[in-house]
Amino acid sequence: MMHPLDQEIEATRKQILALEREKTQIQIHA
């Protein structure tokens, strides 16, 4: 069985990855 927090962890991980991509793009454009 999945831990109830696993879904939250996955969602947060995806948000972090999205933010990392954004940060990288901003650094490239800077």
N, C-alpha and C. Protein backbone atom coordinates (compact mmCIF):
# COMPACT_ATOMS: atom_id res chain seq x y z
N MET A 1 0.83 -1.22 0.00
CA MET A 1 0.00 0.00 0.00
C MET A 1 0.86 1.26 0.00
N MET A 2 0.38 2.24 -0.73
CA MET A 2 1.12 3.51 -0.78
C MET A 2 0.87 4.30 0.49
N HIS A 3 1.89 4.95 0.95
CA HIS A 3 1.74 5.85 2.10
C HIS A 3 0.94 7.06 1.64
N PRO A 4 0.05 7.57 2.49
CA PRO A 4 -0.78 8.73 2.09
C PRO A 4 0.06 9.93 1.64
N LEU A 5 1.25 10.06 2.20
CA LEU A 5 2.08 11.21 1.86
C LEU A 5 2.83 11.02 0.55
N ASP A 6 2.87 9.77 0.05
CA ASP A 6 3.62 9.52 -1.18
C ASP A 6 3.11 10.39 -2.32
N GLN A 7 1.78 10.54 -2.40
CA GLN A 7 1.21 11.37 -3.47
C GLN A 7 1.67 12.82 -3.31
N GLU A 8 1.67 13.30 -2.08
CA GLU A 8 2.10 14.68 -1.84
C GLU A 8 3.57 14.84 -2.18
N ILE A 9 4.37 13.83 -1.81
CA ILE A 9 5.80 13.88 -2.10
C ILE A 9 6.01 13.93 -3.61
N GLU A 10 5.27 13.10 -4.35
CA GLU A 10 5.40 13.09 -5.81
C GLU A 10 5.03 14.44 -6.39
N ALA A 11 3.92 15.02 -5.93
CA ALA A 11 3.47 16.31 -6.45
C ALA A 11 4.52 17.37 -6.15
N THR A 12 5.06 17.34 -4.92
CA THR A 12 6.06 18.33 -4.54
C THR A 12 7.31 18.17 -5.38
N ARG A 13 7.69 16.92 -5.61
CA ARG A 13 8.89 16.65 -6.41
C ARG A 13 8.73 17.23 -7.81
N LYS A 14 7.52 17.06 -8.38
CA LYS A 14 7.28 17.60 -9.72
C LYS A 14 7.35 19.12 -9.70
N GLN A 15 6.83 19.74 -8.63
CA GLN A 15 6.89 21.20 -8.53
C GLN A 15 8.35 21.65 -8.45
N ILE A 16 9.14 20.92 -7.66
CA ILE A 16 10.55 21.28 -7.51
C ILE A 16 11.26 21.18 -8.86
N LEU A 17 11.00 20.08 -9.59
CA LEU A 17 11.64 19.92 -10.89
C LEU A 17 11.25 21.05 -11.83
N ALA A 18 9.98 21.44 -11.79
CA ALA A 18 9.52 22.53 -12.65
C ALA A 18 10.24 23.82 -12.27
N LEU A 19 10.39 24.05 -10.96
CA LEU A 19 11.07 25.26 -10.52
C LEU A 19 12.54 25.24 -10.91
N GLU A 20 13.16 24.07 -10.81
CA GLU A 20 14.57 23.96 -11.21
C GLU A 20 14.73 24.30 -12.69
N ARG A 21 13.81 23.79 -13.53
CA ARG A 21 13.86 24.09 -14.97
C ARG A 21 13.71 25.59 -15.19
N GLU A 22 12.75 26.19 -14.48
CA GLU A 22 12.52 27.63 -14.63
C GLU A 22 13.77 28.40 -14.23
N LYS A 23 14.37 28.00 -13.11
CA LYS A 23 15.56 28.68 -12.60
C LYS A 23 16.68 28.59 -13.64
N THR A 24 16.85 27.40 -14.22
CA THR A 24 17.89 27.21 -15.23
C THR A 24 17.65 28.11 -16.42
N GLN A 25 16.39 28.17 -16.88
CA GLN A 25 16.06 29.01 -18.04
C GLN A 25 16.36 30.48 -17.72
N ILE A 26 16.00 30.91 -16.52
CA ILE A 26 16.24 32.30 -16.13
C ILE A 26 17.75 32.58 -16.13
N GLN A 27 18.54 31.62 -15.58
CA GLN A 27 19.99 31.81 -15.54
C GLN A 27 20.57 31.90 -16.95
N ILE A 28 20.02 31.07 -17.87
CA ILE A 28 20.52 31.08 -19.25
C ILE A 28 20.23 32.44 -19.89
N HIS A 29 19.02 32.98 -19.64
CA HIS A 29 18.64 34.24 -20.27
C HIS A 29 19.35 35.44 -19.64
N ALA A 30 19.74 35.30 -18.38
CA ALA A 30 20.33 36.43 -17.67
C ALA A 30 21.64 36.88 -18.33
